[in-house]
Amino acid sequence: MDSSRIQAMIEQGLPGAQVEVSGADGVHFEATVVASQFAGKLPLARHRLVYATLGEQMGGAIHALALTTRTPEEVAARR
């Protein structure tokens, strides 16, 4: 598994999301996902949305995924 494949899977599952994924060892990854679909959702629900885009890869080819999830409005407020 590589970062670009994970990024593509998340982008496909969350249309319009801005996704950045890193991870050099092929099993441990970090992702920042900015998506309007996160609006009104608690962090756990946001993470579940992302995990759902990865399906069976979570816990298999992807051993660990550290997530940062934000809405576009949250990103704009930090600027």
N, C-alpha and C. Protein backbone atom coordinates (compact mmCIF):
# COMPACT_ATOMS: atom_id res chain seq x y z
N MET A 1 0.86 -1.17 0.00
CA MET A 1 0.00 0.00 0.00
C MET A 1 0.90 1.23 0.00
N ASP A 2 0.47 2.24 -0.73
CA ASP A 2 1.25 3.48 -0.73
C ASP A 2 0.34 4.68 -0.50
N SER A 3 0.95 5.80 -0.19
CA SER A 3 0.22 7.02 0.16
C SER A 3 -0.71 7.48 -0.95
N SER A 4 -0.26 7.40 -2.19
CA SER A 4 -1.09 7.89 -3.29
C SER A 4 -2.35 7.04 -3.48
N ARG A 5 -2.25 5.76 -3.24
CA ARG A 5 -3.44 4.89 -3.36
C ARG A 5 -4.44 5.20 -2.25
N ILE A 6 -3.95 5.41 -1.04
CA ILE A 6 -4.83 5.75 0.08
C ILE A 6 -5.51 7.09 -0.21
N GLN A 7 -4.75 8.05 -0.69
CA GLN A 7 -5.31 9.36 -1.03
C GLN A 7 -6.43 9.21 -2.06
N ALA A 8 -6.19 8.43 -3.10
CA ALA A 8 -7.19 8.23 -4.14
C ALA A 8 -8.45 7.57 -3.60
N MET A 9 -8.30 6.60 -2.71
CA MET A 9 -9.45 5.91 -2.14
C MET A 9 -10.30 6.87 -1.31
N ILE A 10 -9.64 7.70 -0.50
CA ILE A 10 -10.38 8.66 0.32
C ILE A 10 -11.07 9.69 -0.56
N GLU A 11 -10.38 10.19 -1.56
CA GLU A 11 -10.97 11.18 -2.47
C GLU A 11 -12.17 10.60 -3.22
N GLN A 12 -12.09 9.34 -3.59
CA GLN A 12 -13.20 8.70 -4.28
C GLN A 12 -14.40 8.54 -3.34
N GLY A 13 -14.13 8.17 -2.10
CA GLY A 13 -15.21 7.95 -1.12
C GLY A 13 -15.80 9.22 -0.55
N LEU A 14 -15.03 10.31 -0.57
CA LEU A 14 -15.50 11.60 -0.06
C LEU A 14 -15.30 12.64 -1.17
N PRO A 15 -16.19 12.64 -2.15
CA PRO A 15 -16.04 13.56 -3.29
C PRO A 15 -15.86 15.01 -2.84
N GLY A 16 -14.89 15.67 -3.45
CA GLY A 16 -14.61 17.07 -3.14
C GLY A 16 -13.65 17.27 -1.99
N ALA A 17 -13.27 16.20 -1.31
CA ALA A 17 -12.36 16.32 -0.17
C ALA A 17 -10.95 16.69 -0.64
N GLN A 18 -10.26 17.44 0.21
CA GLN A 18 -8.84 17.71 0.00
C GLN A 18 -8.08 16.76 0.92
N VAL A 19 -7.20 15.96 0.35
CA VAL A 19 -6.56 14.89 1.11
C VAL A 19 -5.05 14.94 0.92
N GLU A 20 -4.33 14.83 2.04
CA GLU A 20 -2.88 14.69 2.01
C GLU A 20 -2.54 13.48 2.85
N VAL A 21 -1.76 12.57 2.28
CA VAL A 21 -1.39 11.34 2.99
C VAL A 21 0.13 11.19 2.93
N SER A 22 0.73 10.81 4.05
CA SER A 22 2.16 10.51 4.07
C SER A 22 2.38 9.22 4.85
N GLY A 23 3.52 8.62 4.61
CA GLY A 23 3.89 7.38 5.29
C GLY A 23 4.89 6.62 4.45
N ALA A 24 6.09 6.51 4.95
CA ALA A 24 7.18 5.94 4.16
C ALA A 24 7.35 4.43 4.31
N ASP A 25 6.78 3.83 5.36
CA ASP A 25 7.07 2.41 5.58
C ASP A 25 6.05 1.46 4.96
N GLY A 26 4.99 2.01 4.35
CA GLY A 26 4.03 1.16 3.66
C GLY A 26 2.93 0.57 4.51
N VAL A 27 2.94 0.78 5.83
CA VAL A 27 1.88 0.26 6.70
C VAL A 27 1.38 1.29 7.71
N HIS A 28 2.18 2.29 8.03
CA HIS A 28 1.80 3.35 8.97
C HIS A 28 1.68 4.66 8.18
N PHE A 29 0.51 5.29 8.30
CA PHE A 29 0.25 6.48 7.51
C PHE A 29 -0.35 7.59 8.36
N GLU A 30 -0.21 8.82 7.87
CA GLU A 30 -0.86 9.99 8.44
C GLU A 30 -1.63 10.66 7.33
N ALA A 31 -2.86 11.09 7.63
CA ALA A 31 -3.67 11.76 6.62
C ALA A 31 -4.35 12.98 7.21
N THR A 32 -4.39 14.03 6.42
CA THR A 32 -5.19 15.21 6.73
C THR A 32 -6.28 15.26 5.68
N VAL A 33 -7.52 15.30 6.15
CA VAL A 33 -8.66 15.28 5.25
C VAL A 33 -9.55 16.48 5.56
N VAL A 34 -9.79 17.30 4.56
CA VAL A 34 -10.68 18.45 4.68
C VAL A 34 -11.88 18.17 3.80
N ALA A 35 -13.06 18.07 4.43
CA ALA A 35 -14.25 17.69 3.68
C ALA A 35 -15.50 18.35 4.27
N SER A 36 -16.36 18.81 3.40
CA SER A 36 -17.62 19.41 3.85
C SER A 36 -18.52 18.36 4.52
N GLN A 37 -18.31 17.09 4.19
CA GLN A 37 -19.11 16.01 4.78
C GLN A 37 -18.91 15.90 6.30
N PHE A 38 -17.87 16.52 6.84
CA PHE A 38 -17.60 16.45 8.27
C PHE A 38 -18.43 17.44 9.09
N ALA A 39 -19.09 18.37 8.43
CA ALA A 39 -19.84 19.42 9.14
C ALA A 39 -20.84 18.80 10.12
N GLY A 40 -20.80 19.29 11.36
CA GLY A 40 -21.73 18.83 12.38
C GLY A 40 -21.42 17.48 12.97
N LYS A 41 -20.30 16.87 12.60
CA LYS A 41 -19.95 15.54 13.10
C LYS A 41 -18.82 15.62 14.12
N LEU A 42 -18.91 14.78 15.11
CA LEU A 42 -17.84 14.67 16.11
C LEU A 42 -16.64 13.94 15.48
N PRO A 43 -15.46 14.08 16.10
CA PRO A 43 -14.25 13.45 15.53
C PRO A 43 -14.40 11.95 15.24
N LEU A 44 -15.02 11.21 16.12
CA LEU A 44 -15.16 9.77 15.89
C LEU A 44 -15.99 9.48 14.64
N ALA A 45 -17.06 10.22 14.44
CA ALA A 45 -17.89 10.04 13.25
C ALA A 45 -17.12 10.42 11.99
N ARG A 46 -16.29 11.45 12.08
CA ARG A 46 -15.46 11.87 10.94
C ARG A 46 -14.48 10.76 10.57
N HIS A 47 -13.85 10.20 11.59
CA HIS A 47 -12.87 9.13 11.35
C HIS A 47 -13.56 7.91 10.73
N ARG A 48 -14.75 7.61 11.19
CA ARG A 48 -15.48 6.46 10.62
C ARG A 48 -15.78 6.68 9.15
N LEU A 49 -16.10 7.92 8.78
CA LEU A 49 -16.34 8.22 7.37
C LEU A 49 -15.09 7.94 6.53
N VAL A 50 -13.94 8.35 7.06
CA VAL A 50 -12.69 8.11 6.33
C VAL A 50 -12.39 6.61 6.29
N TYR A 51 -12.52 5.93 7.42
CA TYR A 51 -12.24 4.50 7.45
C TYR A 51 -13.13 3.74 6.47
N ALA A 52 -14.38 4.18 6.33
CA ALA A 52 -15.31 3.52 5.41
C ALA A 52 -14.82 3.60 3.97
N THR A 53 -14.11 4.66 3.62
CA THR A 53 -13.60 4.78 2.25
C THR A 53 -12.48 3.78 1.98
N LEU A 54 -11.86 3.28 3.04
CA LEU A 54 -10.72 2.38 2.90
C LEU A 54 -11.10 0.91 3.04
N GLY A 55 -12.29 0.66 3.52
CA GLY A 55 -12.82 -0.70 3.61
C GLY A 55 -11.90 -1.69 4.29
N GLU A 56 -11.71 -2.84 3.66
CA GLU A 56 -10.95 -3.94 4.23
C GLU A 56 -9.45 -3.64 4.35
N GLN A 57 -9.00 -2.56 3.71
CA GLN A 57 -7.58 -2.22 3.79
C GLN A 57 -7.18 -1.82 5.21
N MET A 58 -8.15 -1.23 5.95
CA MET A 58 -7.87 -0.86 7.34
C MET A 58 -7.68 -2.13 8.17
N GLY A 59 -6.60 -2.17 8.91
CA GLY A 59 -6.30 -3.35 9.71
C GLY A 59 -5.63 -4.45 8.91
N GLY A 60 -5.55 -4.27 7.61
CA GLY A 60 -4.86 -5.23 6.75
C GLY A 60 -3.63 -4.57 6.17
N ALA A 61 -3.74 -4.13 4.92
CA ALA A 61 -2.61 -3.46 4.26
C ALA A 61 -2.25 -2.15 4.94
N ILE A 62 -3.25 -1.53 5.56
CA ILE A 62 -3.00 -0.30 6.33
C ILE A 62 -3.05 -0.67 7.80
N HIS A 63 -1.89 -0.75 8.43
CA HIS A 63 -1.84 -1.15 9.83
C HIS A 63 -2.29 -0.02 10.75
N ALA A 64 -1.89 1.21 10.43
CA ALA A 64 -2.25 2.36 11.27
C ALA A 64 -2.43 3.60 10.40
N LEU A 65 -3.44 4.40 10.75
CA LEU A 65 -3.71 5.63 10.03
C LEU A 65 -4.05 6.72 11.05
N ALA A 66 -3.15 7.67 11.21
CA ALA A 66 -3.40 8.81 12.09
C ALA A 66 -4.13 9.86 11.26
N LEU A 67 -5.27 10.32 11.78
CA LEU A 67 -6.11 11.23 11.01
C LEU A 67 -6.23 12.61 11.65
N THR A 68 -6.22 13.62 10.79
CA THR A 68 -6.64 14.96 11.15
C THR A 68 -7.78 15.27 10.21
N THR A 69 -8.95 15.58 10.77
CA THR A 69 -10.13 15.83 9.94
C THR A 69 -10.68 17.21 10.26
N ARG A 70 -10.97 17.97 9.20
CA ARG A 70 -11.50 19.32 9.37
C ARG A 70 -12.50 19.61 8.25
N THR A 71 -13.39 20.56 8.53
CA THR A 71 -14.25 21.08 7.48
C THR A 71 -13.53 22.23 6.80
N PRO A 72 -13.96 22.62 5.61
CA PRO A 72 -13.34 23.79 4.96
C PRO A 72 -13.47 25.05 5.83
N GLU A 73 -14.57 25.17 6.54
CA GLU A 73 -14.78 26.34 7.42
C GLU A 73 -13.79 26.35 8.58
N GLU A 74 -13.49 25.19 9.13
CA GLU A 74 -12.51 25.10 10.21
C GLU A 74 -11.12 25.49 9.71
N VAL A 75 -10.79 25.09 8.51
CA VAL A 75 -9.49 25.45 7.93
C VAL A 75 -9.42 26.96 7.71
N ALA A 76 -10.50 27.53 7.19
CA ALA A 76 -10.52 28.99 6.93
C ALA A 76 -10.41 29.78 8.23
N ALA A 77 -11.00 29.28 9.30
CA ALA A 77 -10.96 29.98 10.59
C ALA A 77 -9.57 29.97 11.20
N ARG A 78 -8.73 29.00 10.83
CA ARG A 78 -7.37 28.90 11.37
C ARG A 78 -6.40 29.84 10.67
N ARG A 79 -6.81 30.44 9.55
CA ARG A 79 -5.91 31.31 8.78
C ARG A 79 -5.90 32.69 9.33
